[in-house]
Amino acid sequence: MSHEWPGPDLTFRDAGTGEIIWRKEVNTGDVERGVAGDILAQYKGAECWATEDYKVYNCKGEPVQIDPKTKSFLIYWDGDLQRENAK
């Protein structure tokens, strides 16, 4: 979940309870957009990022080494259940 300033810039929450699992504070101002989706098969669960940070995090809040190509768009592209970063 990306947030407008002030507050945490990015939070990852339990879908059932809304409880914050982890949060990132970049402190650069308004976070315009954010996206979450299961785009990397090597990590369990969803990955996410927000425009003010542009680091991609796995569901544990650890940064992963990919470069997001767009601010907020994902697509099912090639017939499998893995989403791709659209560009």
PDB file of N, CA and C in Angstrom:
ATOM      1  N   MET A   1       0.846  -1.164   0.000  1.00  0.00           N
ATOM      2  CA  MET A   1       0.000   0.000   0.000  1.00  0.00           C
ATOM      3  C   MET A   1       0.894   1.231   0.000  1.00  0.00           C
ATOM      4  N   SER A   2       0.744   2.081  -0.995  1.00  0.00           N
ATOM      5  CA  SER A   2       1.498   3.330  -0.991  1.00  0.00           C
ATOM      6  C   SER A   2       0.650   4.403  -0.321  1.00  0.00           C
ATOM      7  N   HIS A   3       1.321   5.349   0.321  1.00  0.00           N
ATOM      8  CA  HIS A   3       0.627   6.353   1.127  1.00  0.00           C
ATOM      9  C   HIS A   3       1.047   7.752   0.721  1.00  0.00           C
ATOM     10  N   GLU A   4       0.120   8.685   0.853  1.00  0.00           N
ATOM     11  CA  GLU A   4       0.477  10.084   0.692  1.00  0.00           C
ATOM     12  C   GLU A   4       1.166  10.565   1.956  1.00  0.00           C
ATOM     13  N   TRP A   5       1.977  11.556   1.827  1.00  0.00           N
ATOM     14  CA  TRP A   5       2.730  12.126   2.920  1.00  0.00           C
ATOM     15  C   TRP A   5       1.811  12.925   3.806  1.00  0.00           C
ATOM     16  N   PRO A   6       1.942  13.021   5.124  1.00  0.00           N
ATOM     17  CA  PRO A   6       2.982  12.424   5.951  1.00  0.00           C
ATOM     18  C   PRO A   6       2.605  11.023   6.417  1.00  0.00           C
ATOM     19  N   GLY A   7       3.587  10.259   6.768  1.00  0.00           N
ATOM     20  CA  GLY A   7       3.367   8.898   7.237  1.00  0.00           C
ATOM     21  C   GLY A   7       4.318   7.946   6.553  1.00  0.00           C
ATOM     22  N   PRO A   8       4.110   6.646   6.746  1.00  0.00           N
ATOM     23  CA  PRO A   8       4.985   5.694   6.056  1.00  0.00           C
ATOM     24  C   PRO A   8       4.732   5.791   4.556  1.00  0.00           C
ATOM     25  N   ASP A   9       5.778   5.656   3.763  1.00  0.00           N
ATOM     26  CA  ASP A   9       5.632   5.747   2.317  1.00  0.00           C
ATOM     27  C   ASP A   9       5.050   4.475   1.719  1.00  0.00           C
ATOM     28  N   LEU A  10       5.395   3.339   2.296  1.00  0.00           N
ATOM     29  CA  LEU A  10       4.971   2.058   1.749  1.00  0.00           C
ATOM     30  C   LEU A  10       4.740   1.090   2.898  1.00  0.00           C
ATOM     31  N   THR A  11       3.586   0.418   2.913  1.00  0.00           N
ATOM     32  CA  THR A  11       3.326  -0.617   3.907  1.00  0.00           C
ATOM     33  C   THR A  11       2.882  -1.887   3.207  1.00  0.00           C
ATOM     34  N   PHE A  12       3.219  -3.005   3.795  1.00  0.00           N
ATOM     35  CA  PHE A  12       2.796  -4.317   3.324  1.00  0.00           C
ATOM     36  C   PHE A  12       1.918  -4.880   4.425  1.00  0.00           C
ATOM     37  N   ARG A  13       0.676  -5.223   4.090  1.00  0.00           N
ATOM     38  CA  ARG A  13      -0.307  -5.555   5.113  1.00  0.00           C
ATOM     39  C   ARG A  13      -0.879  -6.961   4.956  1.00  0.00           C
ATOM     40  N   ASP A  14      -1.341  -7.507   6.062  1.00  0.00           N
ATOM     41  CA  ASP A  14      -2.062  -8.771   6.060  1.00  0.00           C
ATOM     42  C   ASP A  14      -3.414  -8.519   5.398  1.00  0.00           C
ATOM     43  N   ALA A  15      -3.734  -9.281   4.363  1.00  0.00           N
ATOM     44  CA  ALA A  15      -4.972  -9.055   3.609  1.00  0.00           C
ATOM     45  C   ALA A  15      -6.219  -9.316   4.444  1.00  0.00           C
ATOM     46  N   GLY A  16      -6.147 -10.179   5.417  1.00  0.00           N
ATOM     47  CA  GLY A  16      -7.304 -10.502   6.234  1.00  0.00           C
ATOM     48  C   GLY A  16      -7.571  -9.538   7.364  1.00  0.00           C
ATOM     49  N   THR A  17      -6.505  -8.970   7.919  1.00  0.00           N
ATOM     50  CA  THR A  17      -6.668  -8.130   9.112  1.00  0.00           C
ATOM     51  C   THR A  17      -6.287  -6.667   8.894  1.00  0.00           C
ATOM     52  N   GLY A  18      -5.518  -6.375   7.858  1.00  0.00           N
ATOM     53  CA  GLY A  18      -5.025  -5.016   7.642  1.00  0.00           C
ATOM     54  C   GLY A  18      -3.807  -4.682   8.476  1.00  0.00           C
ATOM     55  N   GLU A  19      -3.349  -5.639   9.299  1.00  0.00           N
ATOM     56  CA  GLU A  19      -2.178  -5.419  10.151  1.00  0.00           C
ATOM     57  C   GLU A  19      -0.945  -5.160   9.289  1.00  0.00           C
ATOM     58  N   ILE A  20      -0.130  -4.185   9.695  1.00  0.00           N
ATOM     59  CA  ILE A  20       1.109  -3.881   8.975  1.00  0.00           C
ATOM     60  C   ILE A  20       2.135  -4.960   9.260  1.00  0.00           C
ATOM     61  N   ILE A  21       2.629  -5.592   8.221  1.00  0.00           N
ATOM     62  CA  ILE A  21       3.670  -6.618   8.333  1.00  0.00           C
ATOM     63  C   ILE A  21       5.038  -5.951   8.304  1.00  0.00           C
ATOM     64  N   TRP A  22       5.233  -5.013   7.379  1.00  0.00           N
ATOM     65  CA  TRP A  22       6.437  -4.186   7.343  1.00  0.00           C
ATOM     66  C   TRP A  22       6.120  -2.849   6.697  1.00  0.00           C
ATOM     67  N   ARG A  23       7.010  -1.874   6.935  1.00  0.00           N
ATOM     68  CA  ARG A  23       6.823  -0.533   6.395  1.00  0.00           C
ATOM     69  C   ARG A  23       8.159   0.043   5.966  1.00  0.00           C
ATOM     70  N   LYS A  24       8.124   0.900   4.979  1.00  0.00           N
ATOM     71  CA  LYS A  24       9.316   1.608   4.501  1.00  0.00           C
ATOM     72  C   LYS A  24       9.015   3.093   4.535  1.00  0.00           C
ATOM     73  N   GLU A  25       9.988   3.861   4.995  1.00  0.00           N
ATOM     74  CA  GLU A  25       9.850   5.306   5.028  1.00  0.00           C
ATOM     75  C   GLU A  25      10.988   5.909   4.226  1.00  0.00           C
ATOM     76  N   VAL A  26      10.639   6.511   3.107  1.00  0.00           N
ATOM     77  CA  VAL A  26      11.629   7.080   2.210  1.00  0.00           C
ATOM     78  C   VAL A  26      11.791   8.578   2.473  1.00  0.00           C
ATOM     79  N   ASN A  27      10.737   9.216   2.982  1.00  0.00           N
ATOM     80  CA  ASN A  27      10.753  10.632   3.360  1.00  0.00           C
ATOM     81  C   ASN A  27      11.090  11.575   2.209  1.00  0.00           C
ATOM     82  N   THR A  28      10.539  11.289   1.042  1.00  0.00           N
ATOM     83  CA  THR A  28      10.761  12.180  -0.094  1.00  0.00           C
ATOM     84  C   THR A  28       9.500  12.931  -0.469  1.00  0.00           C
ATOM     85  N   GLY A  29       8.418  12.747   0.246  1.00  0.00           N
ATOM     86  CA  GLY A  29       7.188  13.446  -0.074  1.00  0.00           C
ATOM     87  C   GLY A  29       6.097  12.480  -0.476  1.00  0.00           C
ATOM     88  N   ASP A  30       5.196  12.961  -1.298  1.00  0.00           N
ATOM     89  CA  ASP A  30       4.043  12.179  -1.729  1.00  0.00           C
ATOM     90  C   ASP A  30       4.467  10.985  -2.580  1.00  0.00           C
ATOM     91  N   VAL A  31       3.970   9.821  -2.237  1.00  0.00           N
ATOM     92  CA  VAL A  31       4.196   8.627  -3.047  1.00  0.00           C
ATOM     93  C   VAL A  31       3.077   8.576  -4.074  1.00  0.00           C
ATOM     94  N   GLU A  32       3.401   8.818  -5.311  1.00  0.00           N
ATOM     95  CA  GLU A  32       2.383   8.932  -6.352  1.00  0.00           C
ATOM     96  C   GLU A  32       1.644   7.630  -6.604  1.00  0.00           C
ATOM     97  N   ARG A  33       2.371   6.551  -6.783  1.00  0.00           N
ATOM     98  CA  ARG A  33       1.767   5.280  -7.168  1.00  0.00           C
ATOM     99  C   ARG A  33       2.540   4.125  -6.552  1.00  0.00           C
ATOM    100  N   GLY A  34       1.864   2.990  -6.460  1.00  0.00           N
ATOM    101  CA  GLY A  34       2.500   1.778  -5.988  1.00  0.00           C
ATOM    102  C   GLY A  34       1.823   0.584  -6.627  1.00  0.00           C
ATOM    103  N   VAL A  35       2.502  -0.545  -6.617  1.00  0.00           N
ATOM    104  CA  VAL A  35       1.951  -1.755  -7.221  1.00  0.00           C
ATOM    105  C   VAL A  35       2.465  -2.969  -6.455  1.00  0.00           C
ATOM    106  N   ALA A  36       1.644  -4.007  -6.409  1.00  0.00           N
ATOM    107  CA  ALA A  36       2.043  -5.281  -5.807  1.00  0.00           C
ATOM    108  C   ALA A  36       1.529  -6.403  -6.691  1.00  0.00           C
ATOM    109  N   GLY A  37       2.334  -7.418  -6.845  1.00  0.00           N
ATOM    110  CA  GLY A  37       1.939  -8.575  -7.630  1.00  0.00           C
ATOM    111  C   GLY A  37       3.018  -9.627  -7.581  1.00  0.00           C
ATOM    112  N   ASP A  38       2.654 -10.840  -7.871  1.00  0.00           N
ATOM    113  CA  ASP A  38       3.618 -11.939  -7.880  1.00  0.00           C
ATOM    114  C   ASP A  38       4.304 -11.949  -9.237  1.00  0.00           C
ATOM    115  N   ILE A  39       5.421 -11.223  -9.337  1.00  0.00           N
ATOM    116  CA  ILE A  39       6.112 -11.085 -10.620  1.00  0.00           C
ATOM    117  C   ILE A  39       7.412 -11.875 -10.698  1.00  0.00           C
ATOM    118  N   LEU A  40       7.903 -12.391  -9.566  1.00  0.00           N
ATOM    119  CA  LEU A  40       9.154 -13.147  -9.549  1.00  0.00           C
ATOM    120  C   LEU A  40       8.917 -14.537  -8.970  1.00  0.00           C
ATOM    121  N   ALA A  41       9.124 -15.552  -9.780  1.00  0.00           N
ATOM    122  CA  ALA A  41       8.870 -16.931  -9.358  1.00  0.00           C
ATOM    123  C   ALA A  41       9.802 -17.386  -8.238  1.00  0.00           C
ATOM    124  N   GLN A  42      10.994 -16.809  -8.140  1.00  0.00           N
ATOM    125  CA  GLN A  42      11.956 -17.259  -7.123  1.00  0.00           C
ATOM    126  C   GLN A  42      11.615 -16.807  -5.713  1.00  0.00           C
ATOM    127  N   TYR A  43      10.636 -15.925  -5.554  1.00  0.00           N
ATOM    128  CA  TYR A  43      10.213 -15.463  -4.237  1.00  0.00           C
ATOM    129  C   TYR A  43       8.765 -15.862  -4.000  1.00  0.00           C
ATOM    130  N   LYS A  44       8.477 -16.367  -2.800  1.00  0.00           N
ATOM    131  CA  LYS A  44       7.114 -16.737  -2.438  1.00  0.00           C
ATOM    132  C   LYS A  44       6.295 -15.471  -2.221  1.00  0.00           C
ATOM    133  N   GLY A  45       5.096 -15.422  -2.756  1.00  0.00           N
ATOM    134  CA  GLY A  45       4.204 -14.289  -2.548  1.00  0.00           C
ATOM    135  C   GLY A  45       4.480 -13.134  -3.477  1.00  0.00           C
ATOM    136  N   ALA A  46       3.887 -12.008  -3.132  1.00  0.00           N
ATOM    137  CA  ALA A  46       3.943 -10.817  -3.979  1.00  0.00           C
ATOM    138  C   ALA A  46       5.215 -10.009  -3.748  1.00  0.00           C
ATOM    139  N   GLU A  47       5.578  -9.270  -4.763  1.00  0.00           N
ATOM    140  CA  GLU A  47       6.612  -8.257  -4.664  1.00  0.00           C
ATOM    141  C   GLU A  47       5.918  -6.900  -4.843  1.00  0.00           C
ATOM    142  N   CYS A  48       6.552  -5.832  -4.367  1.00  0.00           N
ATOM    143  CA  CYS A  48       5.905  -4.524  -4.487  1.00  0.00           C
ATOM    144  C   CYS A  48       6.938  -3.416  -4.550  1.00  0.00           C
ATOM    145  N   TRP A  49       6.486  -2.248  -5.037  1.00  0.00           N
ATOM    146  CA  TRP A  49       7.303  -1.049  -5.047  1.00  0.00           C
ATOM    147  C   TRP A  49       6.412   0.171  -5.143  1.00  0.00           C
ATOM    148  N   ALA A  50       6.986   1.322  -4.850  1.00  0.00           N
ATOM    149  CA  ALA A  50       6.292   2.597  -4.947  1.00  0.00           C
ATOM    150  C   ALA A  50       7.193   3.575  -5.688  1.00  0.00           C
ATOM    151  N   THR A  51       6.596   4.584  -6.277  1.00  0.00           N
ATOM    152  CA  THR A  51       7.351   5.471  -7.167  1.00  0.00           C
ATOM    153  C   THR A  51       8.424   6.296  -6.484  1.00  0.00           C
ATOM    154  N   GLU A  52       8.268   6.647  -5.234  1.00  0.00           N
ATOM    155  CA  GLU A  52       9.277   7.474  -4.580  1.00  0.00           C
ATOM    156  C   GLU A  52      10.549   6.701  -4.243  1.00  0.00           C
ATOM    157  N   ASP A  53      10.458   5.400  -4.173  1.00  0.00           N
ATOM    158  CA  ASP A  53      11.584   4.571  -3.779  1.00  0.00           C
ATOM    159  C   ASP A  53      12.133   3.809  -4.992  1.00  0.00           C
ATOM    160  N   TYR A  54      11.272   3.200  -5.731  1.00  0.00           N
ATOM    161  CA  TYR A  54      11.591   2.361  -6.886  1.00  0.00           C
ATOM    162  C   TYR A  54      12.463   1.164  -6.557  1.00  0.00           C
ATOM    163  N   LYS A  55      12.612   0.815  -5.294  1.00  0.00           N
ATOM    164  CA  LYS A  55      13.207  -0.466  -4.947  1.00  0.00           C
ATOM    165  C   LYS A  55      12.073  -1.474  -4.912  1.00  0.00           C
ATOM    166  N   VAL A  56      12.360  -2.686  -5.328  1.00  0.00           N
ATOM    167  CA  VAL A  56      11.354  -3.748  -5.306  1.00  0.00           C
ATOM    168  C   VAL A  56      11.612  -4.598  -4.072  1.00  0.00           C
ATOM    169  N   TYR A  57      10.535  -4.867  -3.316  1.00  0.00           N
ATOM    170  CA  TYR A  57      10.638  -5.631  -2.078  1.00  0.00           C
ATOM    171  C   TYR A  57       9.828  -6.916  -2.189  1.00  0.00           C
ATOM    172  N   ASN A  58      10.349  -7.997  -1.591  1.00  0.00           N
ATOM    173  CA  ASN A  58       9.561  -9.228  -1.517  1.00  0.00           C
ATOM    174  C   ASN A  58       8.603  -9.132  -0.329  1.00  0.00           C
ATOM    175  N   CYS A  59       7.825 -10.180  -0.090  1.00  0.00           N
ATOM    176  CA  CYS A  59       6.794 -10.107   0.954  1.00  0.00           C
ATOM    177  C   CYS A  59       7.368 -10.049   2.365  1.00  0.00           C
ATOM    178  N   LYS A  60       8.686 -10.252   2.510  1.00  0.00           N
ATOM    179  CA  LYS A  60       9.332 -10.118   3.813  1.00  0.00           C
ATOM    180  C   LYS A  60       9.919  -8.722   4.026  1.00  0.00           C
ATOM    181  N   GLY A  61       9.805  -7.862   3.002  1.00  0.00           N
ATOM    182  CA  GLY A  61      10.360  -6.516   3.107  1.00  0.00           C
ATOM    183  C   GLY A  61      11.811  -6.423   2.692  1.00  0.00           C
ATOM    184  N   GLU A  62      12.347  -7.492   2.113  1.00  0.00           N
ATOM    185  CA  GLU A  62      13.736  -7.512   1.656  1.00  0.00           C
ATOM    186  C   GLU A  62      13.807  -7.007   0.223  1.00  0.00           C
ATOM    187  N   PRO A  63      14.772  -6.115  -0.097  1.00  0.00           N
ATOM    188  CA  PRO A  63      14.894  -5.655  -1.484  1.00  0.00           C
ATOM    189  C   PRO A  63      15.351  -6.789  -2.394  1.00  0.00           C
ATOM    190  N   VAL A  64      14.780  -6.828  -3.596  1.00  0.00           N
ATOM    191  CA  VAL A  64      15.182  -7.806  -4.608  1.00  0.00           C
ATOM    192  C   VAL A  64      15.771  -7.049  -5.789  1.00  0.00           C
ATOM    193  N   GLN A  65      16.615  -7.720  -6.528  1.00  0.00           N
ATOM    194  CA  GLN A  65      17.379  -7.056  -7.570  1.00  0.00           C
ATOM    195  C   GLN A  65      16.697  -7.114  -8.931  1.00  0.00           C
ATOM    196  N   ILE A  66      15.668  -6.296  -9.113  1.00  0.00           N
ATOM    197  CA  ILE A  66      15.123  -6.085 -10.453  1.00  0.00           C
ATOM    198  C   ILE A  66      14.833  -4.600 -10.588  1.00  0.00           C
ATOM    199  N   ASP A  67      14.742  -4.148 -11.808  1.00  0.00           N
ATOM    200  CA  ASP A  67      14.459  -2.756 -12.095  1.00  0.00           C
ATOM    201  C   ASP A  67      13.028  -2.663 -12.611  1.00  0.00           C
ATOM    202  N   PRO A  68      12.106  -2.074 -11.833  1.00  0.00           N
ATOM    203  CA  PRO A  68      10.734  -1.964 -12.337  1.00  0.00           C
ATOM    204  C   PRO A  68      10.692  -1.042 -13.545  1.00  0.00           C
ATOM    205  N   LYS A  69       9.980  -1.460 -14.571  1.00  0.00           N
ATOM    206  CA  LYS A  69       9.925  -0.703 -15.809  1.00  0.00           C
ATOM    207  C   LYS A  69       8.798   0.318 -15.835  1.00  0.00           C
ATOM    208  N   THR A  70       7.819   0.170 -14.967  1.00  0.00           N
ATOM    209  CA  THR A  70       6.710   1.109 -14.927  1.00  0.00           C
ATOM    210  C   THR A  70       6.379   1.463 -13.483  1.00  0.00           C
ATOM    211  N   LYS A  71       5.611   2.532 -13.321  1.00  0.00           N
ATOM    212  CA  LYS A  71       5.220   2.957 -11.984  1.00  0.00           C
ATOM    213  C   LYS A  71       4.163   2.052 -11.381  1.00  0.00           C
ATOM    214  N   SER A  72       3.200   1.606 -12.176  1.00  0.00           N
ATOM    215  CA  SER A  72       2.081   0.924 -11.531  1.00  0.00           C
ATOM    216  C   SER A  72       1.314  -0.040 -12.426  1.00  0.00           C
ATOM    217  N   PHE A  73       1.955  -0.628 -13.408  1.00  0.00           N
ATOM    218  CA  PHE A  73       1.220  -1.512 -14.298  1.00  0.00           C
ATOM    219  C   PHE A  73       1.836  -2.903 -14.348  1.00  0.00           C
ATOM    220  N   LEU A  74       0.988  -3.911 -14.189  1.00  0.00           N
ATOM    221  CA  LEU A  74       1.385  -5.311 -14.332  1.00  0.00           C
ATOM    222  C   LEU A  74       0.432  -5.956 -15.324  1.00  0.00           C
ATOM    223  N   ILE A  75       0.849  -7.072 -15.909  1.00  0.00           N
ATOM    224  CA  ILE A  75       0.022  -7.735 -16.906  1.00  0.00           C
ATOM    225  C   ILE A  75       0.241  -9.244 -16.836  1.00  0.00           C
ATOM    226  N   TYR A  76      -0.811 -10.012 -17.115  1.00  0.00           N
ATOM    227  CA  TYR A  76      -0.653 -11.448 -17.368  1.00  0.00           C
ATOM    228  C   TYR A  76      -0.359 -11.551 -18.853  1.00  0.00           C
ATOM    229  N   TRP A  77       0.857 -11.987 -19.216  1.00  0.00           N
ATOM    230  CA  TRP A  77       1.300 -11.862 -20.588  1.00  0.00           C
ATOM    231  C   TRP A  77       1.390 -13.181 -21.350  1.00  0.00           C
ATOM    232  N   ASP A  78       1.952 -14.192 -20.744  1.00  0.00           N
ATOM    233  CA  ASP A  78       2.328 -15.366 -21.537  1.00  0.00           C
ATOM    234  C   ASP A  78       1.593 -16.651 -21.162  1.00  0.00           C
ATOM    235  N   GLY A  79       0.424 -16.541 -20.550  1.00  0.00           N
ATOM    236  CA  GLY A  79      -0.395 -17.722 -20.312  1.00  0.00           C
ATOM    237  C   GLY A  79      -0.140 -18.467 -19.016  1.00  0.00           C
ATOM    238  N   ASP A  80       0.852 -18.043 -18.218  1.00  0.00           N
ATOM    239  CA  ASP A  80       1.047 -18.692 -16.924  1.00  0.00           C
ATOM    240  C   ASP A  80       0.424 -17.818 -15.831  1.00  0.00           C
ATOM    241  N   LEU A  81       0.534 -18.231 -14.576  1.00  0.00           N
ATOM    242  CA  LEU A  81      -0.066 -17.483 -13.483  1.00  0.00           C
ATOM    243  C   LEU A  81       0.845 -16.401 -12.920  1.00  0.00           C
ATOM    244  N   GLN A  82       2.037 -16.259 -13.490  1.00  0.00           N
ATOM    245  CA  GLN A  82       2.994 -15.242 -13.062  1.00  0.00           C
ATOM    246  C   GLN A  82       2.685 -13.942 -13.806  1.00  0.00           C
ATOM    247  N   ARG A  83       2.618 -12.838 -13.091  1.00  0.00           N
ATOM    248  CA  ARG A  83       2.399 -11.552 -13.744  1.00  0.00           C
ATOM    249  C   ARG A  83       3.732 -10.978 -14.195  1.00  0.00           C
ATOM    250  N   GLU A  84       3.688 -10.135 -15.188  1.00  0.00           N
ATOM    251  CA  GLU A  84       4.897  -9.495 -15.692  1.00  0.00           C
ATOM    252  C   GLU A  84       4.784  -7.984 -15.493  1.00  0.00           C
ATOM    253  N   ASN A  85       5.961  -7.357 -15.434  1.00  0.00           N
ATOM    254  CA  ASN A  85       6.056  -5.905 -15.334  1.00  0.00           C
ATOM    255  C   ASN A  85       5.870  -5.350 -16.738  1.00  0.00           C
ATOM    256  N   ALA A  86       4.768  -4.672 -16.973  1.00  0.00           N
ATOM    257  CA  ALA A  86       4.414  -4.213 -18.321  1.00  0.00           C
ATOM    258  C   ALA A  86       5.247  -3.020 -18.748  1.00  0.00           C
ATOM    259  N   LYS A  87       5.727  -3.070 -19.957  1.00  0.00           N
ATOM    260  CA  LYS A  87       6.348  -1.904 -20.596  1.00  0.00           C
ATOM    261  C   LYS A  87       6.475  -2.172 -22.065  1.00  0.00           C
TER     262      LYS A  87
END
